[in-house]
């Protein structure tokens, strides 16, 4: 024989090494998305309608509820949930146009503190929105069906929209794409031979009103929702509300051209 054969390492030694590696991986925990360059979302207002832990798990994004000293371009998505114009940080009021020009995305939802009822009329924000306010506009309408004009839109996947009654009555911007609208005719419309689903309805019916629309601004995207997403519906429970909200956030994250940011890790406490 030319030499001695090397003996295989004992099984116990192999198991010890493998166990040590697995233990090390388990103790290391999940990666710090903020430190490693994950996308960030700035959410202002009442965002209780969305389960953020599921959004973060689904998209890898991290949500913040205060702008602090960060530039808007650190955020892939900005969300204004039933928040008045006067309460917005000055950097948001003054910087949204430039933010969108750089490819940022914006989600705006309705309510008593939003759109015209929230003081948006006459502001730059009102001109940017796909759903444009012209007056104090949040109120009640007889519950009517929600007509899907873009049923294959990503935000509507796996979602059923119930009849709507409470929302902001807004005008569709001429450059916007309408995704869903409210349609409701009065009894007079039917007795008078009017069409309860179109235009100014003969016999006293109500005109269709936009509920969801989107618009491109520069390289950016704005998604506008006329409903107060956090409002408890008193007639039909919207079982898919959270899924719809998550679809909206995921869609805007995908559309955003804002690159992920890298923030310094916090010092380890000693």
Protein backbone atom coordinates (compact mmCIF):
# COMPACT_ATOMS: atom_id res chain seq x y z
CA UNK A 1 0.00 0.00 0.00
CA UNK A 2 1.22 3.47 -0.91
CA UNK A 3 -0.16 5.06 2.23
CA UNK A 4 -2.70 4.94 4.93
CA UNK A 5 -6.33 5.78 4.14
CA UNK A 6 -7.72 8.84 5.90
CA UNK A 7 -10.54 7.84 8.17
CA UNK A 8 -13.90 9.62 7.80
CA UNK A 9 -14.73 12.14 10.54
CA UNK A 10 -16.88 10.68 13.30
CA UNK A 11 -20.63 11.10 12.86
CA UNK A 12 -20.89 12.84 16.23
CA UNK A 13 -18.38 15.48 15.11
CA UNK A 14 -20.33 16.16 11.88
CA UNK A 15 -23.59 16.53 13.80
CA UNK A 16 -21.94 18.95 16.21
CA UNK A 17 -20.70 21.18 13.38
CA UNK A 18 -24.07 21.19 11.58
CA UNK A 19 -25.92 21.95 14.80
CA UNK A 20 -23.58 24.83 15.51
CA UNK A 21 -24.16 26.36 12.07
CA UNK A 22 -27.96 26.10 12.36
CA UNK A 23 -27.89 27.62 15.85
CA UNK A 24 -25.79 30.51 14.60
CA UNK A 25 -28.25 31.23 11.79
CA UNK A 26 -31.24 31.13 14.10
CA UNK A 27 -29.66 33.56 16.54
CA UNK A 28 -28.73 36.02 13.83
CA UNK A 29 -32.41 36.88 13.26
CA UNK A 30 -34.05 38.54 10.25
CA UNK A 31 -32.05 41.14 8.37
CA UNK A 32 -32.51 44.80 9.33
CA UNK A 33 -34.47 46.11 6.32
CA UNK A 34 -33.85 49.72 7.23
CA UNK A 35 -30.11 49.22 7.49
CA UNK A 36 -29.84 46.97 4.45
CA UNK A 37 -31.68 49.34 2.11
CA UNK A 38 -35.37 48.32 2.29
CA UNK A 39 -38.08 50.58 0.82
CA UNK A 40 -39.76 53.01 3.18
CA UNK A 41 -43.37 54.19 3.34
CA UNK A 42 -44.45 57.46 4.96
CA UNK A 43 -47.99 57.07 6.31
CA UNK A 44 -49.75 60.19 7.63
CA UNK A 45 -53.25 60.21 9.13
CA UNK A 46 -55.56 57.38 10.20
CA UNK A 47 -54.14 54.25 8.60
CA UNK A 48 -55.93 51.80 10.91
CA UNK A 49 -57.55 50.17 7.88
CA UNK A 50 -54.37 48.30 6.89
CA UNK A 51 -52.40 45.63 8.76
CA UNK A 52 -48.88 46.99 8.44
CA UNK A 53 -47.16 43.89 9.79
CA UNK A 54 -48.58 41.95 6.83
CA UNK A 55 -47.57 44.70 4.39
CA UNK A 56 -44.00 44.63 5.70
CA UNK A 57 -43.88 40.83 5.51
CA UNK A 58 -45.37 40.82 2.01
CA UNK A 59 -43.29 43.63 0.48
CA UNK A 60 -40.19 43.97 2.68
CA UNK A 61 -40.97 47.68 3.13
CA UNK A 62 -40.87 49.54 6.44
CA UNK A 63 -43.48 52.11 7.46
CA UNK A 64 -42.82 55.40 9.27
CA UNK A 65 -45.47 57.78 10.60
CA UNK A 66 -43.33 60.88 10.98
CA UNK A 67 -41.25 62.65 8.36
CA UNK A 68 -38.80 64.16 10.87
CA UNK A 69 -35.76 65.52 9.00
CA UNK A 70 -35.81 62.98 6.18
CA UNK A 71 -36.27 64.13 2.55
CA UNK A 72 -39.39 62.95 0.74
CA UNK A 73 -37.22 61.09 -1.74
CA UNK A 74 -36.26 58.65 1.01
CA UNK A 75 -39.79 57.22 0.74
CA UNK A 76 -40.99 55.00 -2.07
CA UNK A 77 -44.64 55.67 -1.16
CA UNK A 78 -46.36 58.52 0.71
CA UNK A 79 -49.86 57.94 2.11
CA UNK A 80 -52.32 60.65 3.19
CA UNK A 81 -55.19 58.95 5.03
CA UNK A 82 -58.01 61.40 5.84
CA UNK A 83 -55.54 64.09 6.87
CA UNK A 84 -56.16 67.84 6.53
CA UNK A 85 -53.99 70.02 4.36
CA UNK A 86 -53.12 72.33 7.26
CA UNK A 87 -51.78 69.43 9.34
CA UNK A 88 -49.39 68.18 6.65
CA UNK A 89 -45.69 68.85 7.22
CA UNK A 90 -44.52 71.84 5.17
CA UNK A 91 -42.07 69.60 3.31
CA UNK A 92 -44.99 67.45 2.13
CA UNK A 93 -47.18 70.40 1.12
CA UNK A 94 -44.37 72.08 -0.79
CA UNK A 95 -42.48 69.07 -2.10
CA UNK A 96 -45.03 66.65 -3.57
CA UNK A 97 -44.73 67.92 -7.14
CA UNK A 98 -40.96 67.47 -7.17
CA UNK A 99 -41.27 64.14 -5.34
CA UNK A 100 -43.62 62.82 -8.04
CA UNK A 101 -41.40 64.18 -10.79
CA UNK A 102 -38.61 61.99 -9.40
CA UNK A 103 -40.83 58.90 -9.58
CA UNK A 104 -42.41 58.79 -6.12
CA UNK A 105 -45.93 57.46 -5.59
CA UNK A 106 -48.80 58.87 -3.53
CA UNK A 107 -51.97 57.35 -2.05
CA UNK A 108 -54.76 59.67 -0.87
CA UNK A 109 -57.91 58.42 0.87
CA UNK A 110 -61.13 60.27 1.70
CA UNK A 111 -62.93 61.40 4.82
CA UNK A 112 -64.04 64.46 6.76
CA UNK A 113 -60.45 65.75 6.91
CA UNK A 114 -59.56 65.02 3.29
CA UNK A 115 -60.02 66.58 -0.14
CA UNK A 116 -62.37 69.60 -0.07
CA UNK A 117 -63.47 68.92 3.49
CA UNK A 118 -59.81 68.90 4.51
CA UNK A 119 -58.90 72.21 2.91
CA UNK A 120 -57.33 70.90 -0.31
CA UNK A 121 -59.28 73.24 -2.61
CA UNK A 122 -57.07 75.85 -4.27
CA UNK A 123 -53.82 74.12 -3.30
CA UNK A 124 -51.15 72.56 -5.49
CA UNK A 125 -52.14 69.17 -4.10
CA UNK A 126 -55.68 69.58 -5.44
CA UNK A 127 -54.32 70.26 -8.92
CA UNK A 128 -52.13 67.15 -8.78
CA UNK A 129 -54.85 64.73 -7.70
CA UNK A 130 -56.75 62.45 -10.10
CA UNK A 131 -59.89 63.22 -8.04
CA UNK A 132 -60.10 67.00 -7.78
CA UNK A 133 -62.01 68.71 -4.93
CA UNK A 134 -63.98 71.89 -5.54
CA UNK A 135 -65.87 72.36 -2.25
CA UNK A 136 -66.62 70.85 1.17
CA UNK A 137 -67.35 67.41 -0.23
CA UNK A 138 -67.58 64.57 2.32
CA UNK A 139 -71.11 63.35 2.90
CA UNK A 140 -73.76 60.65 2.63
CA UNK A 141 -75.38 59.32 -0.52
CA UNK A 142 -77.98 56.54 -0.70
CA UNK A 143 -76.09 53.27 -0.78
CA UNK A 144 -75.43 52.31 -4.37
CA UNK A 145 -73.41 49.74 -6.29
CA UNK A 146 -69.74 50.25 -7.01
CA UNK A 147 -69.10 49.93 -10.72
CA UNK A 148 -65.65 48.62 -11.64
CA UNK A 149 -64.36 50.36 -14.76
CA UNK A 150 -60.94 48.66 -14.60
CA UNK A 151 -61.84 45.24 -13.11
CA UNK A 152 -58.41 43.77 -13.90
CA UNK A 153 -56.49 46.52 -12.17
CA UNK A 154 -53.92 45.08 -9.68
CA UNK A 155 -55.49 46.87 -6.72
CA UNK A 156 -58.77 45.00 -7.31
CA UNK A 157 -57.34 41.48 -7.48
CA UNK A 158 -59.14 39.20 -5.02
CA UNK A 159 -61.30 42.10 -3.83
CA UNK A 160 -65.06 42.64 -3.82
CA UNK A 161 -66.23 46.23 -3.37
CA UNK A 162 -69.51 46.61 -1.46
CA UNK A 163 -72.19 49.25 -2.09
CA UNK A 164 -70.95 52.68 -1.01
CA UNK A 165 -72.75 55.54 0.72
CA UNK A 166 -70.19 57.71 2.51
CA UNK A 167 -67.47 59.29 0.40
CA UNK A 168 -66.11 62.59 -0.90
CA UNK A 169 -67.99 63.85 -3.96
CA UNK A 170 -65.14 64.75 -6.32
CA UNK A 171 -64.52 65.67 -9.94
CA UNK A 172 -62.48 63.41 -12.19
CA UNK A 173 -59.36 65.14 -13.47
CA UNK A 174 -59.31 65.11 -17.26
CA UNK A 175 -55.91 63.37 -17.31
CA UNK A 176 -56.88 60.69 -14.77
CA UNK A 177 -57.87 57.07 -15.31
CA UNK A 178 -61.10 56.19 -13.48
CA UNK A 179 -60.98 52.77 -11.83
CA UNK A 180 -64.32 52.61 -9.99
CA UNK A 181 -67.37 54.82 -9.58
CA UNK A 182 -70.55 55.15 -7.55
CA UNK A 183 -73.84 54.78 -9.37
CA UNK A 184 -77.20 55.30 -7.79
CA UNK A 185 -80.54 56.35 -9.25
CA UNK A 186 -83.54 57.61 -7.31
CA UNK A 187 -87.00 56.07 -7.57
CA UNK A 188 -87.99 59.12 -9.60
CA UNK A 189 -85.37 58.20 -12.17
CA UNK A 190 -86.96 54.83 -12.73
CA UNK A 191 -90.54 56.13 -12.84
CA UNK A 192 -89.48 58.95 -15.15
CA UNK A 193 -87.76 56.55 -17.52
CA UNK A 194 -84.28 57.78 -16.69
CA UNK A 195 -81.12 55.73 -16.84
CA UNK A 196 -79.91 55.25 -13.24
CA UNK A 197 -76.40 54.61 -14.45
CA UNK A 198 -75.50 57.47 -16.72
CA UNK A 199 -74.91 61.21 -16.81
CA UNK A 200 -77.42 63.66 -15.44
CA UNK A 201 -80.34 61.33 -14.91
CA UNK A 202 -83.78 62.41 -16.01
CA UNK A 203 -86.43 62.30 -13.29
CA UNK A 204 -84.18 63.36 -10.46
CA UNK A 205 -81.58 60.61 -10.42
CA UNK A 206 -78.01 61.06 -9.13
CA UNK A 207 -75.05 61.36 -11.46
CA UNK A 208 -72.27 58.76 -11.29
CA UNK A 209 -69.38 59.89 -9.10
CA UNK A 210 -65.76 58.65 -9.23
CA UNK A 211 -64.61 56.59 -6.25
CA UNK A 212 -61.12 55.45 -7.30
CA UNK A 213 -58.81 56.93 -9.92
CA UNK A 214 -55.11 57.18 -10.73
CA UNK A 215 -52.94 59.68 -12.53
CA UNK A 216 -49.36 59.88 -13.73
CA UNK A 217 -47.41 62.98 -12.73
CA UNK A 218 -43.91 63.16 -14.18
CA UNK A 219 -42.43 59.74 -13.47
CA UNK A 220 -44.68 59.30 -10.45
CA UNK A 221 -48.15 57.89 -9.80
CA UNK A 222 -51.04 59.13 -7.64
CA UNK A 223 -53.81 56.79 -6.54
CA UNK A 224 -56.87 58.57 -5.13
CA UNK A 225 -59.71 56.92 -3.19
CA UNK A 226 -62.84 58.92 -2.36
CA UNK A 227 -63.90 56.67 0.53
CA UNK A 228 -62.81 57.04 4.14
CA UNK A 229 -60.97 53.73 4.41
CA UNK A 230 -61.04 53.73 8.21
CA UNK A 231 -64.79 54.39 8.46
CA UNK A 232 -66.92 51.53 9.81
CA UNK A 233 -69.60 50.85 7.23
CA UNK A 234 -73.03 50.71 8.86
CA UNK A 235 -74.72 48.64 6.18
CA UNK A 236 -72.46 46.23 4.32
CA UNK A 237 -69.28 45.06 5.97
CA UNK A 238 -66.32 45.40 3.65
CA UNK A 239 -64.56 42.11 4.30
CA UNK A 240 -61.84 42.78 1.73
CA UNK A 241 -60.91 46.25 2.99
CA UNK A 242 -57.53 45.22 4.38
CA UNK A 243 -56.64 43.22 1.27
CA UNK A 244 -57.65 46.13 -0.94
CA UNK A 245 -55.46 48.49 1.10
CA UNK A 246 -52.51 46.12 0.91
CA UNK A 247 -53.02 45.78 -2.85
CA UNK A 248 -52.88 49.57 -3.17
CA UNK A 249 -49.65 49.83 -1.19
CA UNK A 250 -48.02 46.93 -3.04
CA UNK A 251 -49.05 48.42 -6.40
CA UNK A 252 -47.55 51.82 -5.56
CA UNK A 253 -44.36 50.23 -4.25
CA UNK A 254 -44.03 48.43 -7.57
CA UNK A 255 -44.71 51.63 -9.51
CA UNK A 256 -42.32 53.77 -7.47
CA UNK A 257 -39.00 54.72 -9.04
CA UNK A 258 -37.56 55.92 -5.76
CA UNK A 259 -34.61 53.69 -4.95
CA UNK A 260 -34.26 52.03 -1.55
CA UNK A 261 -32.37 54.05 1.02
CA UNK A 262 -29.62 52.93 3.36
CA UNK A 263 -29.86 54.28 6.86
CA UNK A 264 -27.13 53.88 9.51
CA UNK A 265 -27.72 51.23 12.08
CA UNK A 266 -28.53 52.40 15.57
CA UNK A 267 -25.63 52.00 18.01
CA UNK A 268 -25.76 48.87 20.08
CA UNK A 269 -26.68 49.63 23.70
CA UNK A 270 -23.98 48.66 26.17
